[in-house]
Amino acid sequence: MNRAFSRKKDKTWMHTPEALSKHFIPYNAKFLGSTEVEQPKGTEVVRDAVRKLKFARHIKKSEGQKIPKVELQISIYGVKILEPKTKEVQHNCQLHRISFCADDKTDKRIFTFICKDSESNKHLCYVFDSEKCAEEITLTIGQAFDLAYRKFLESGGKDVETRKQIAGLQKRIQDLETENMELKNKVQDLENQLRITQVSTPPAGSMTPKSPSTDIFDMIPFSPISHQSSMPTRNGTQPPPVPSRSTEIKRDLFGAEPFDPFNCGAADFPPDIQSKLDEMQEGFKMGLTLEGTVFCFDPLDSRC
């Protein structure tokens, strides 16, 4: 089995598991930007992306534009990029979508990671200037990925199988409810036919009432708006009302829709939860690669 997490050299993790599981680790950095890349991994891939974004920043800096500052919040739920003052989330990179993370060994400030965009499914390379904390941030992302993957194996993987079993049971329940509704309608039809027969056959020795229009047996007993007083009586007693047949198969005996654990609300069970879990499983299986490499090629590139 391939490891979901790999790195060039064995490193000691920077934080306790509780810090990344129950909280988040904040870092301040300058955001050079993001750019689309062709591959999810590779030193050459990020090297070209860093050079491209550094060059773009040099041009903007010459025009008087400053590099925007951001706050990074790293946890087992992902890497959030926020505006430092307003705390507005600019980007939210889920860990199972991050495939490559690297820091520059010649410039301790620069680090980058590749993340698959959730909407376009394109691979984007994010580049930061972190004031000589590049390696620490890289290792923190690696530790968060490792913890998230373990958590997914311990709970998420079991949830996938459990939800599959629930889906199978739920389909069986719906089939049984449909079958029950069809049987109920058949019984109702038989009861209606029996009631019509009893009403149309007077008891021996009684006076035969005036024969009403034949439509009364089709219109009144089966019309939900008919009043009970329009029904013929037997021995001065009103016959029981005839319940209307339900044409809605997707409701249970009490008129409520069948319980569906996958459609209880977007907050609890998103409709596409299975595809999301499959996506996470695929992302973690691809793994995260951490590398320490050299991004700078000349003195111009050594500063942002």
C-alpha atoms as a PDB file:
ATOM      1  CA  MET A   1       0.000   0.000   0.000  1.00  0.00           C
ATOM      2  CA  ASN A   2       1.366   3.409  -0.981  1.00  0.00           C
ATOM      3  CA  ARG A   3       1.793   5.911   1.768  1.00  0.00           C
ATOM      4  CA  ALA A   4      -0.493   8.889   1.543  1.00  0.00           C
ATOM      5  CA  PHE A   5       2.237  11.157   2.832  1.00  0.00           C
ATOM      6  CA  SER A   6       5.842  11.351   1.705  1.00  0.00           C
ATOM      7  CA  ARG A   7       8.783  13.696   2.256  1.00  0.00           C
ATOM      8  CA  LYS A   8      12.432  13.766   1.301  1.00  0.00           C
ATOM      9  CA  LYS A   9      13.811  13.656   4.841  1.00  0.00           C
ATOM     10  CA  ASP A  10      12.306  12.538   8.089  1.00  0.00           C
ATOM     11  CA  LYS A  11      11.266  15.633  10.035  1.00  0.00           C
ATOM     12  CA  THR A  12       9.940  16.162  13.536  1.00  0.00           C
ATOM     13  CA  TRP A  13       6.412  17.526  13.598  1.00  0.00           C
ATOM     14  CA  MET A  14       6.066  21.098  14.831  1.00  0.00           C
ATOM     15  CA  HIS A  15       2.781  20.889  16.761  1.00  0.00           C
ATOM     16  CA  THR A  16       0.703  18.611  18.941  1.00  0.00           C
ATOM     17  CA  PRO A  17      -2.097  16.678  17.213  1.00  0.00           C
ATOM     18  CA  GLU A  18      -4.672  18.443  19.409  1.00  0.00           C
ATOM     19  CA  ALA A  19      -3.560  21.861  18.166  1.00  0.00           C
ATOM     20  CA  LEU A  20      -4.333  20.927  14.563  1.00  0.00           C
ATOM     21  CA  SER A  21      -7.377  18.766  15.298  1.00  0.00           C
ATOM     22  CA  LYS A  22      -9.317  21.017  17.663  1.00  0.00           C
ATOM     23  CA  HIS A  23      -7.898  24.389  16.684  1.00  0.00           C
ATOM     24  CA  PHE A  24      -5.701  25.845  13.938  1.00  0.00           C
ATOM     25  CA  ILE A  25      -2.162  27.174  13.621  1.00  0.00           C
ATOM     26  CA  PRO A  26      -2.000  30.783  12.347  1.00  0.00           C
ATOM     27  CA  TYR A  27       0.811  32.236  10.254  1.00  0.00           C
ATOM     28  CA  ASN A  28       1.281  35.648   8.692  1.00  0.00           C
ATOM     29  CA  ALA A  29       2.655  35.850   5.175  1.00  0.00           C
ATOM     30  CA  LYS A  30       2.656  37.845   1.971  1.00  0.00           C
ATOM     31  CA  PHE A  31       0.666  36.345  -0.868  1.00  0.00           C
ATOM     32  CA  LEU A  32       2.452  36.473  -4.208  1.00  0.00           C
ATOM     33  CA  GLY A  33      -0.568  34.928  -5.900  1.00  0.00           C
ATOM     34  CA  SER A  34      -1.624  31.720  -7.606  1.00  0.00           C
ATOM     35  CA  THR A  35      -1.262  30.388 -11.119  1.00  0.00           C
ATOM     36  CA  GLU A  36      -2.495  27.342 -12.993  1.00  0.00           C
ATOM     37  CA  VAL A  37      -0.045  24.467 -13.474  1.00  0.00           C
ATOM     38  CA  GLU A  38      -0.262  21.367 -15.638  1.00  0.00           C
ATOM     39  CA  GLN A  39       0.756  18.737 -13.080  1.00  0.00           C
ATOM     40  CA  PRO A  40      -0.270  18.069  -9.448  1.00  0.00           C
ATOM     41  CA  LYS A  41       3.313  17.383  -8.350  1.00  0.00           C
ATOM     42  CA  GLY A  42       6.906  18.173  -9.261  1.00  0.00           C
ATOM     43  CA  THR A  43       9.761  20.475  -8.365  1.00  0.00           C
ATOM     44  CA  GLU A  44      10.041  21.841 -11.899  1.00  0.00           C
ATOM     45  CA  VAL A  45       6.321  22.584 -11.900  1.00  0.00           C
ATOM     46  CA  VAL A  46       6.466  24.786  -8.793  1.00  0.00           C
ATOM     47  CA  ARG A  47       9.801  26.297  -9.814  1.00  0.00           C
ATOM     48  CA  ASP A  48       8.265  27.659 -13.016  1.00  0.00           C
ATOM     49  CA  ALA A  49       5.212  28.876 -11.121  1.00  0.00           C
ATOM     50  CA  VAL A  50       7.325  30.694  -8.517  1.00  0.00           C
ATOM     51  CA  ARG A  51       9.432  32.377 -11.182  1.00  0.00           C
ATOM     52  CA  LYS A  52       6.290  33.460 -13.059  1.00  0.00           C
ATOM     53  CA  LEU A  53       4.620  34.939  -9.975  1.00  0.00           C
ATOM     54  CA  LYS A  54       7.806  36.599  -8.726  1.00  0.00           C
ATOM     55  CA  PHE A  55       8.258  38.291 -12.082  1.00  0.00           C
ATOM     56  CA  ALA A  56       4.644  39.509 -12.027  1.00  0.00           C
ATOM     57  CA  ARG A  57       5.126  40.862  -8.512  1.00  0.00           C
ATOM     58  CA  HIS A  58       8.289  42.722  -9.494  1.00  0.00           C
ATOM     59  CA  ILE A  59       6.343  44.479 -12.225  1.00  0.00           C
ATOM     60  CA  LYS A  60       3.510  45.412  -9.843  1.00  0.00           C
ATOM     61  CA  LYS A  61       6.014  46.556  -7.231  1.00  0.00           C
ATOM     62  CA  SER A  62       7.681  48.843  -9.763  1.00  0.00           C
ATOM     63  CA  GLU A  63       4.243  50.324 -10.378  1.00  0.00           C
ATOM     64  CA  GLY A  64       3.886  51.115  -6.674  1.00  0.00           C
ATOM     65  CA  GLN A  65       1.674  48.166  -5.695  1.00  0.00           C
ATOM     66  CA  LYS A  66       2.432  46.387  -2.434  1.00  0.00           C
ATOM     67  CA  ILE A  67       2.340  42.639  -1.942  1.00  0.00           C
ATOM     68  CA  PRO A  68      -0.874  41.852  -0.035  1.00  0.00           C
ATOM     69  CA  LYS A  69      -0.559  40.388   3.441  1.00  0.00           C
ATOM     70  CA  VAL A  70      -2.621  37.368   4.412  1.00  0.00           C
ATOM     71  CA  GLU A  71      -3.180  35.122   7.395  1.00  0.00           C
ATOM     72  CA  LEU A  72      -2.871  31.367   6.976  1.00  0.00           C
ATOM     73  CA  GLN A  73      -4.936  29.125   9.249  1.00  0.00           C
ATOM     74  CA  ILE A  74      -3.775  25.509   9.069  1.00  0.00           C
ATOM     75  CA  SER A  75      -5.742  22.625  10.581  1.00  0.00           C
ATOM     76  CA  ILE A  76      -6.861  19.109   9.688  1.00  0.00           C
ATOM     77  CA  TYR A  77      -9.739  20.731   7.780  1.00  0.00           C
ATOM     78  CA  GLY A  78      -7.517  22.571   5.348  1.00  0.00           C
ATOM     79  CA  VAL A  79      -5.482  25.705   4.701  1.00  0.00           C
ATOM     80  CA  LYS A  80      -7.486  28.911   4.859  1.00  0.00           C
ATOM     81  CA  ILE A  81      -6.141  32.134   3.369  1.00  0.00           C
ATOM     82  CA  LEU A  82      -7.708  35.163   5.058  1.00  0.00           C
ATOM     83  CA  GLU A  83      -7.495  38.929   4.965  1.00  0.00           C
ATOM     84  CA  PRO A  84      -5.683  39.719   8.262  1.00  0.00           C
ATOM     85  CA  LYS A  85      -7.929  42.538   9.488  1.00  0.00           C
ATOM     86  CA  THR A  86     -11.422  41.540   8.357  1.00  0.00           C
ATOM     87  CA  LYS A  87     -10.752  37.764   8.597  1.00  0.00           C
ATOM     88  CA  GLU A  88     -12.549  37.347   5.276  1.00  0.00           C
ATOM     89  CA  VAL A  89     -11.719  33.972   3.721  1.00  0.00           C
ATOM     90  CA  GLN A  90     -10.131  34.468   0.313  1.00  0.00           C
ATOM     91  CA  HIS A  91      -9.274  30.843  -0.391  1.00  0.00           C
ATOM     92  CA  ASN A  92     -10.113  27.603   1.398  1.00  0.00           C
ATOM     93  CA  CYS A  93      -7.833  24.757   0.293  1.00  0.00           C
ATOM     94  CA  GLN A  94      -8.961  21.351   1.576  1.00  0.00           C
ATOM     95  CA  LEU A  95      -6.101  19.043   2.496  1.00  0.00           C
ATOM     96  CA  HIS A  96      -7.172  16.124   0.294  1.00  0.00           C
ATOM     97  CA  ARG A  97      -6.881  18.517  -2.670  1.00  0.00           C
ATOM     98  CA  ILE A  98      -3.308  19.577  -1.818  1.00  0.00           C
ATOM     99  CA  SER A  99      -0.848  17.274  -3.592  1.00  0.00           C
ATOM    100  CA  PHE A 100       2.531  19.048  -3.354  1.00  0.00           C
ATOM    101  CA  CYS A 101       4.135  21.435  -0.871  1.00  0.00           C
ATOM    102  CA  ALA A 102       7.673  22.802  -0.966  1.00  0.00           C
ATOM    103  CA  ASP A 103       9.908  25.491   0.545  1.00  0.00           C
ATOM    104  CA  ASP A 104      12.938  27.206  -0.908  1.00  0.00           C
ATOM    105  CA  LYS A 105      16.184  26.155   0.807  1.00  0.00           C
ATOM    106  CA  THR A 106      18.074  29.182  -0.494  1.00  0.00           C
ATOM    107  CA  ASP A 107      15.379  31.701   0.423  1.00  0.00           C
ATOM    108  CA  LYS A 108      13.875  30.769   3.792  1.00  0.00           C
ATOM    109  CA  ARG A 109      10.865  32.983   3.180  1.00  0.00           C
ATOM    110  CA  ILE A 110       9.381  31.366   0.082  1.00  0.00           C
ATOM    111  CA  PHE A 111       7.064  28.353   0.137  1.00  0.00           C
ATOM    112  CA  THR A 112       4.399  27.033  -2.214  1.00  0.00           C
ATOM    113  CA  PHE A 113       1.788  24.327  -2.555  1.00  0.00           C
ATOM    114  CA  ILE A 114      -0.334  22.897  -5.368  1.00  0.00           C
ATOM    115  CA  CYS A 115      -4.066  22.510  -4.786  1.00  0.00           C
ATOM    116  CA  LYS A 116      -6.827  21.253  -7.079  1.00  0.00           C
ATOM    117  CA  ASP A 117      -9.547  23.867  -7.426  1.00  0.00           C
ATOM    118  CA  SER A 118     -12.953  22.623  -6.238  1.00  0.00           C
ATOM    119  CA  GLU A 119     -14.916  24.343  -9.019  1.00  0.00           C
ATOM    120  CA  SER A 120     -12.721  24.187 -12.114  1.00  0.00           C
ATOM    121  CA  ASN A 121     -10.757  21.037 -11.110  1.00  0.00           C
ATOM    122  CA  LYS A 122      -7.611  22.798 -12.336  1.00  0.00           C
ATOM    123  CA  HIS A 123      -4.346  22.537 -10.426  1.00  0.00           C
ATOM    124  CA  LEU A 124      -3.323  25.885  -8.934  1.00  0.00           C
ATOM    125  CA  CYS A 125       0.058  26.720  -7.438  1.00  0.00           C
ATOM    126  CA  TYR A 126      -0.040  29.150  -4.468  1.00  0.00           C
ATOM    127  CA  VAL A 127       3.142  31.068  -3.593  1.00  0.00           C
ATOM    128  CA  PHE A 128       3.908  32.921  -0.345  1.00  0.00           C
ATOM    129  CA  ASP A 129       6.622  35.013   1.294  1.00  0.00           C
ATOM    130  CA  SER A 130       6.587  33.936   4.941  1.00  0.00           C
ATOM    131  CA  GLU A 131       9.386  35.903   6.662  1.00  0.00           C
ATOM    132  CA  LYS A 132      11.774  32.950   7.088  1.00  0.00           C
ATOM    133  CA  CYS A 133       9.065  30.526   8.274  1.00  0.00           C
ATOM    134  CA  ALA A 134       8.768  28.656   4.989  1.00  0.00           C
ATOM    135  CA  GLU A 135      10.002  25.305   6.268  1.00  0.00           C
ATOM    136  CA  GLU A 136       7.875  25.464   9.420  1.00  0.00           C
ATOM    137  CA  ILE A 137       4.717  26.221   7.428  1.00  0.00           C
ATOM    138  CA  THR A 138       5.512  23.432   4.970  1.00  0.00           C
ATOM    139  CA  LEU A 139       5.929  20.939   7.811  1.00  0.00           C
ATOM    140  CA  THR A 140       2.733  22.171   9.478  1.00  0.00           C
ATOM    141  CA  ILE A 141       0.767  21.513   6.286  1.00  0.00           C
ATOM    142  CA  GLY A 142       2.395  18.090   6.081  1.00  0.00           C
ATOM    143  CA  GLN A 143       1.473  17.272   9.677  1.00  0.00           C
ATOM    144  CA  ALA A 144      -2.114  18.457   9.150  1.00  0.00           C
ATOM    145  CA  PHE A 145      -2.373  16.260   6.052  1.00  0.00           C
ATOM    146  CA  ASP A 146      -1.021  13.253   7.940  1.00  0.00           C
ATOM    147  CA  LEU A 147      -3.509  13.738  10.799  1.00  0.00           C
ATOM    148  CA  ALA A 148      -6.423  14.318   8.425  1.00  0.00           C
ATOM    149  CA  TYR A 149      -5.590  11.161   6.494  1.00  0.00           C
ATOM    150  CA  ARG A 150      -5.437   9.104   9.683  1.00  0.00           C
ATOM    151  CA  LYS A 151      -8.742  10.583  10.839  1.00  0.00           C
ATOM    152  CA  PHE A 152     -10.312   9.721   7.486  1.00  0.00           C
ATOM    153  CA  LEU A 153      -9.098   6.135   7.740  1.00  0.00           C
ATOM    154  CA  GLU A 154     -10.365   5.780  11.311  1.00  0.00           C
ATOM    155  CA  SER A 155     -13.761   7.409  10.877  1.00  0.00           C
ATOM    156  CA  GLY A 156     -14.340   8.535   7.317  1.00  0.00           C
ATOM    157  CA  GLY A 157     -13.635   5.169   5.752  1.00  0.00           C
ATOM    158  CA  LYS A 158     -16.063   3.489   8.142  1.00  0.00           C
ATOM    159  CA  ASP A 159     -18.634   6.182   7.409  1.00  0.00           C
ATOM    160  CA  VAL A 160     -18.403   5.445   3.693  1.00  0.00           C
ATOM    161  CA  GLU A 161     -19.280   1.789   4.236  1.00  0.00           C
ATOM    162  CA  THR A 162     -21.952   2.647   6.816  1.00  0.00           C
ATOM    163  CA  ARG A 163     -23.621   5.127   4.493  1.00  0.00           C
ATOM    164  CA  LYS A 164     -23.613   2.561   1.693  1.00  0.00           C
ATOM    165  CA  GLN A 165     -25.427   0.116   3.978  1.00  0.00           C
ATOM    166  CA  ILE A 166     -27.888   2.815   5.026  1.00  0.00           C
ATOM    167  CA  ALA A 167     -28.545   3.634   1.374  1.00  0.00           C
ATOM    168  CA  GLY A 168     -29.324  -0.025   0.657  1.00  0.00           C
ATOM    169  CA  LEU A 169     -31.668  -0.271   3.644  1.00  0.00           C
ATOM    170  CA  GLN A 170     -33.325   3.015   2.730  1.00  0.00           C
ATOM    171  CA  LYS A 171     -34.074   1.768  -0.786  1.00  0.00           C
ATOM    172  CA  ARG A 172     -35.583  -1.403   0.668  1.00  0.00           C
ATOM    173  CA  ILE A 173     -37.776   0.688   3.003  1.00  0.00           C
ATOM    174  CA  GLN A 174     -38.987   2.798   0.095  1.00  0.00           C
ATOM    175  CA  ASP A 175     -39.823  -0.322  -1.921  1.00  0.00           C
ATOM    176  CA  LEU A 176     -41.774  -1.756   1.022  1.00  0.00           C
ATOM    177  CA  GLU A 177     -43.638   1.522   1.547  1.00  0.00           C
ATOM    178  CA  THR A 178     -44.590   1.601  -2.128  1.00  0.00           C
ATOM    179  CA  GLU A 179     -45.787  -1.990  -1.964  1.00  0.00           C
ATOM    180  CA  ASN A 180     -47.713  -1.245   1.237  1.00  0.00           C
ATOM    181  CA  MET A 181     -49.402   1.750  -0.383  1.00  0.00           C
ATOM    182  CA  GLU A 182     -50.476  -0.327  -3.374  1.00  0.00           C
ATOM    183  CA  LEU A 183     -51.956  -2.991  -1.082  1.00  0.00           C
ATOM    184  CA  LYS A 184     -53.717  -0.330   0.952  1.00  0.00           C
ATOM    185  CA  ASN A 185     -55.309   1.097  -2.193  1.00  0.00           C
ATOM    186  CA  LYS A 186     -56.486  -2.355  -3.250  1.00  0.00           C
ATOM    187  CA  VAL A 187     -58.100  -2.936   0.163  1.00  0.00           C
ATOM    188  CA  GLN A 188     -59.751   0.482  -0.059  1.00  0.00           C
ATOM    189  CA  ASP A 189     -61.181  -0.383  -3.465  1.00  0.00           C
ATOM    190  CA  LEU A 190     -62.664  -3.611  -2.107  1.00  0.00           C
ATOM    191  CA  GLU A 191     -64.176  -1.788   0.874  1.00  0.00           C
ATOM    192  CA  ASN A 192     -65.736   0.814  -1.419  1.00  0.00           C
ATOM    193  CA  GLN A 193     -67.233  -1.874  -3.653  1.00  0.00           C
ATOM    194  CA  LEU A 194     -68.675  -3.666  -0.603  1.00  0.00           C
ATOM    195  CA  ARG A 195     -70.169  -0.424   0.729  1.00  0.00           C
ATOM    196  CA  ILE A 196     -71.791   0.347  -2.615  1.00  0.00           C
ATOM    197  CA  THR A 197     -73.332  -3.130  -2.689  1.00  0.00           C
ATOM    198  CA  GLN A 198     -74.746  -2.719   0.822  1.00  0.00           C
ATOM    199  CA  VAL A 199     -76.241   0.692   0.046  1.00  0.00           C
ATOM    200  CA  SER A 200     -77.842  -0.405  -3.244  1.00  0.00           C
ATOM    201  CA  THR A 201     -79.459  -3.549  -1.721  1.00  0.00           C
ATOM    202  CA  PRO A 202     -82.335  -2.591   0.695  1.00  0.00           C
ATOM    203  CA  PRO A 203     -83.170  -4.940   3.580  1.00  0.00           C
ATOM    204  CA  ALA A 204     -86.200  -7.264   3.297  1.00  0.00           C
ATOM    205  CA  GLY A 205     -89.575  -5.644   4.139  1.00  0.00           C
ATOM    206  CA  SER A 206     -88.303  -2.100   3.907  1.00  0.00           C
ATOM    207  CA  MET A 207     -89.615   0.481   1.468  1.00  0.00           C
ATOM    208  CA  THR A 208     -87.577   0.960  -1.598  1.00  0.00           C
ATOM    209  CA  PRO A 209     -86.369   4.550  -1.714  1.00  0.00           C
ATOM    210  CA  LYS A 210     -86.757   6.579  -4.817  1.00  0.00           C
ATOM    211  CA  SER A 211     -84.031   5.646  -7.190  1.00  0.00           C
ATOM    212  CA  PRO A 212     -81.631   8.568  -7.515  1.00  0.00           C
ATOM    213  CA  SER A 213     -79.470   9.276 -10.496  1.00  0.00           C
ATOM    214  CA  THR A 214     -76.923   6.597 -11.196  1.00  0.00           C
ATOM    215  CA  ASP A 215     -74.171   9.264 -11.004  1.00  0.00           C
ATOM    216  CA  ILE A 216     -74.567   9.410  -7.243  1.00  0.00           C
ATOM    217  CA  PHE A 217     -72.508   6.262  -6.867  1.00  0.00           C
ATOM    218  CA  ASP A 218     -69.682   7.637  -8.925  1.00  0.00           C
ATOM    219  CA  MET A 219     -69.648  11.273  -7.926  1.00  0.00           C
ATOM    220  CA  ILE A 220     -70.646  11.549  -4.280  1.00  0.00           C
ATOM    221  CA  PRO A 221     -68.908   8.635  -2.526  1.00  0.00           C
ATOM    222  CA  PHE A 222     -65.607   9.324  -4.246  1.00  0.00           C
ATOM    223  CA  SER A 223     -65.651  13.116  -4.271  1.00  0.00           C
ATOM    224  CA  PRO A 224     -63.561  14.686  -1.483  1.00  0.00           C
ATOM    225  CA  ILE A 225     -65.793  17.806  -1.518  1.00  0.00           C
ATOM    226  CA  SER A 226     -69.100  15.958  -1.178  1.00  0.00           C
ATOM    227  CA  HIS A 227     -70.957  16.551   2.105  1.00  0.00           C
ATOM    228  CA  GLN A 228     -71.853  13.568   4.237  1.00  0.00           C
ATOM    229  CA  SER A 229     -75.492  14.640   4.319  1.00  0.00           C
ATOM    230  CA  SER A 230     -75.827  13.898   0.602  1.00  0.00           C
ATOM    231  CA  MET A 231     -75.033  10.252   1.249  1.00  0.00           C
ATOM    232  CA  PRO A 232     -78.001   7.895   1.514  1.00  0.00           C
ATOM    233  CA  THR A 233     -78.645   6.633   5.030  1.00  0.00           C
ATOM    234  CA  ARG A 234     -79.271   3.160   6.315  1.00  0.00           C
ATOM    235  CA  ASN A 235     -81.598   2.816   9.304  1.00  0.00           C
ATOM    236  CA  GLY A 236     -81.089   6.510  10.003  1.00  0.00           C
ATOM    237  CA  THR A 237     -77.339   6.124  10.344  1.00  0.00           C
ATOM    238  CA  GLN A 238     -74.853   7.871   8.132  1.00  0.00           C
ATOM    239  CA  PRO A 239     -72.379   5.491   6.473  1.00  0.00           C
ATOM    240  CA  PRO A 240     -68.736   6.125   7.310  1.00  0.00           C
ATOM    241  CA  PRO A 241     -66.986   8.650   5.060  1.00  0.00           C
ATOM    242  CA  VAL A 242     -65.042   7.260   2.160  1.00  0.00           C
ATOM    243  CA  PRO A 243     -61.434   8.369   2.344  1.00  0.00           C
ATOM    244  CA  SER A 244     -60.023   9.567  -0.927  1.00  0.00           C
ATOM    245  CA  ARG A 245     -57.380   7.471  -2.567  1.00  0.00           C
ATOM    246  CA  SER A 246     -53.912   8.825  -2.304  1.00  0.00           C
ATOM    247  CA  THR A 247     -52.127   9.348  -5.554  1.00  0.00           C
ATOM    248  CA  GLU A 248     -48.898  10.182  -3.805  1.00  0.00           C
ATOM    249  CA  ILE A 249     -46.757   7.056  -3.550  1.00  0.00           C
ATOM    250  CA  LYS A 250     -43.831   8.904  -2.056  1.00  0.00           C
ATOM    251  CA  ARG A 251     -45.599   9.403   1.294  1.00  0.00           C
ATOM    252  CA  ASP A 252     -46.000   6.998   4.172  1.00  0.00           C
ATOM    253  CA  LEU A 253     -49.216   5.874   5.893  1.00  0.00           C
ATOM    254  CA  PHE A 254     -49.345   9.053   7.961  1.00  0.00           C
ATOM    255  CA  GLY A 255     -48.948  11.401   5.006  1.00  0.00           C
ATOM    256  CA  ALA A 256     -45.294  12.147   5.665  1.00  0.00           C
ATOM    257  CA  GLU A 257     -42.514  11.643   3.194  1.00  0.00           C
ATOM    258  CA  PRO A 258     -40.322   8.575   3.864  1.00  0.00           C
ATOM    259  CA  PHE A 259     -37.242   9.282   5.957  1.00  0.00           C
ATOM    260  CA  ASP A 260     -34.163   9.793   3.828  1.00  0.00           C
ATOM    261  CA  PRO A 261     -30.869  10.164   5.735  1.00  0.00           C
ATOM    262  CA  PHE A 262     -29.213  11.471   2.577  1.00  0.00           C
ATOM    263  CA  ASN A 263     -31.729  14.267   2.127  1.00  0.00           C
ATOM    264  CA  CYS A 264     -32.206  15.618   5.653  1.00  0.00           C
ATOM    265  CA  GLY A 265     -30.740  19.002   4.910  1.00  0.00           C
ATOM    266  CA  ALA A 266     -27.587  20.312   3.318  1.00  0.00           C
ATOM    267  CA  ALA A 267     -25.894  20.868   6.669  1.00  0.00           C
ATOM    268  CA  ASP A 268     -26.155  17.245   7.763  1.00  0.00           C
ATOM    269  CA  PHE A 269     -26.300  15.058   4.682  1.00  0.00           C
ATOM    270  CA  PRO A 270     -25.400  16.787   1.396  1.00  0.00           C
ATOM    271  CA  PRO A 271     -27.095  15.171  -1.610  1.00  0.00           C
ATOM    272  CA  ASP A 272     -23.731  14.370  -3.175  1.00  0.00           C
ATOM    273  CA  ILE A 273     -22.119  13.126   0.038  1.00  0.00           C
ATOM    274  CA  GLN A 274     -21.040   9.862  -1.539  1.00  0.00           C
ATOM    275  CA  SER A 275     -19.178  11.619  -4.355  1.00  0.00           C
ATOM    276  CA  LYS A 276     -17.520  13.919  -1.811  1.00  0.00           C
ATOM    277  CA  LEU A 277     -16.331  10.988   0.257  1.00  0.00           C
ATOM    278  CA  ASP A 278     -15.063   9.239  -2.864  1.00  0.00           C
ATOM    279  CA  GLU A 279     -13.258  12.440  -3.841  1.00  0.00           C
ATOM    280  CA  MET A 280     -11.594  12.669  -0.418  1.00  0.00           C
ATOM    281  CA  GLN A 281     -10.578   9.024  -0.606  1.00  0.00           C
ATOM    282  CA  GLU A 282      -9.021   9.586  -4.028  1.00  0.00           C
ATOM    283  CA  GLY A 283      -7.245  12.764  -2.884  1.00  0.00           C
ATOM    284  CA  PHE A 284      -5.735  11.192   0.207  1.00  0.00           C
ATOM    285  CA  LYS A 285      -4.725   8.148  -1.829  1.00  0.00           C
ATOM    286  CA  MET A 286      -2.721  10.396  -4.182  1.00  0.00           C
ATOM    287  CA  GLY A 287      -0.882  11.716  -1.138  1.00  0.00           C
ATOM    288  CA  LEU A 288       1.041  14.865  -0.301  1.00  0.00           C
ATOM    289  CA  THR A 289       4.708  15.276  -1.214  1.00  0.00           C
ATOM    290  CA  LEU A 290       6.889  17.658   0.803  1.00  0.00           C
ATOM    291  CA  GLU A 291      10.155  18.844  -0.668  1.00  0.00           C
ATOM    292  CA  GLY A 292      12.902  21.270   0.100  1.00  0.00           C
ATOM    293  CA  THR A 293      14.204  22.684  -3.145  1.00  0.00           C
ATOM    294  CA  VAL A 294      15.730  25.736  -4.820  1.00  0.00           C
ATOM    295  CA  PHE A 295      13.368  28.170  -6.534  1.00  0.00           C
ATOM    296  CA  CYS A 296      15.749  31.083  -7.145  1.00  0.00           C
ATOM    297  CA  PHE A 297      17.823  31.307 -10.313  1.00  0.00           C
ATOM    298  CA  ASP A 298      19.456  34.742 -10.139  1.00  0.00           C
ATOM    299  CA  PRO A 299      19.834  37.672  -7.702  1.00  0.00           C
ATOM    300  CA  LEU A 300      16.702  39.307  -9.113  1.00  0.00           C
ATOM    301  CA  ASP A 301      14.631  36.313  -8.033  1.00  0.00           C
ATOM    302  CA  SER A 302      16.067  36.173  -4.524  1.00  0.00           C
ATOM    303  CA  ARG A 303      13.834  39.020  -3.358  1.00  0.00           C
ATOM    304  CA  CYS A 304      10.139  39.741  -3.718  1.00  0.00           C
END
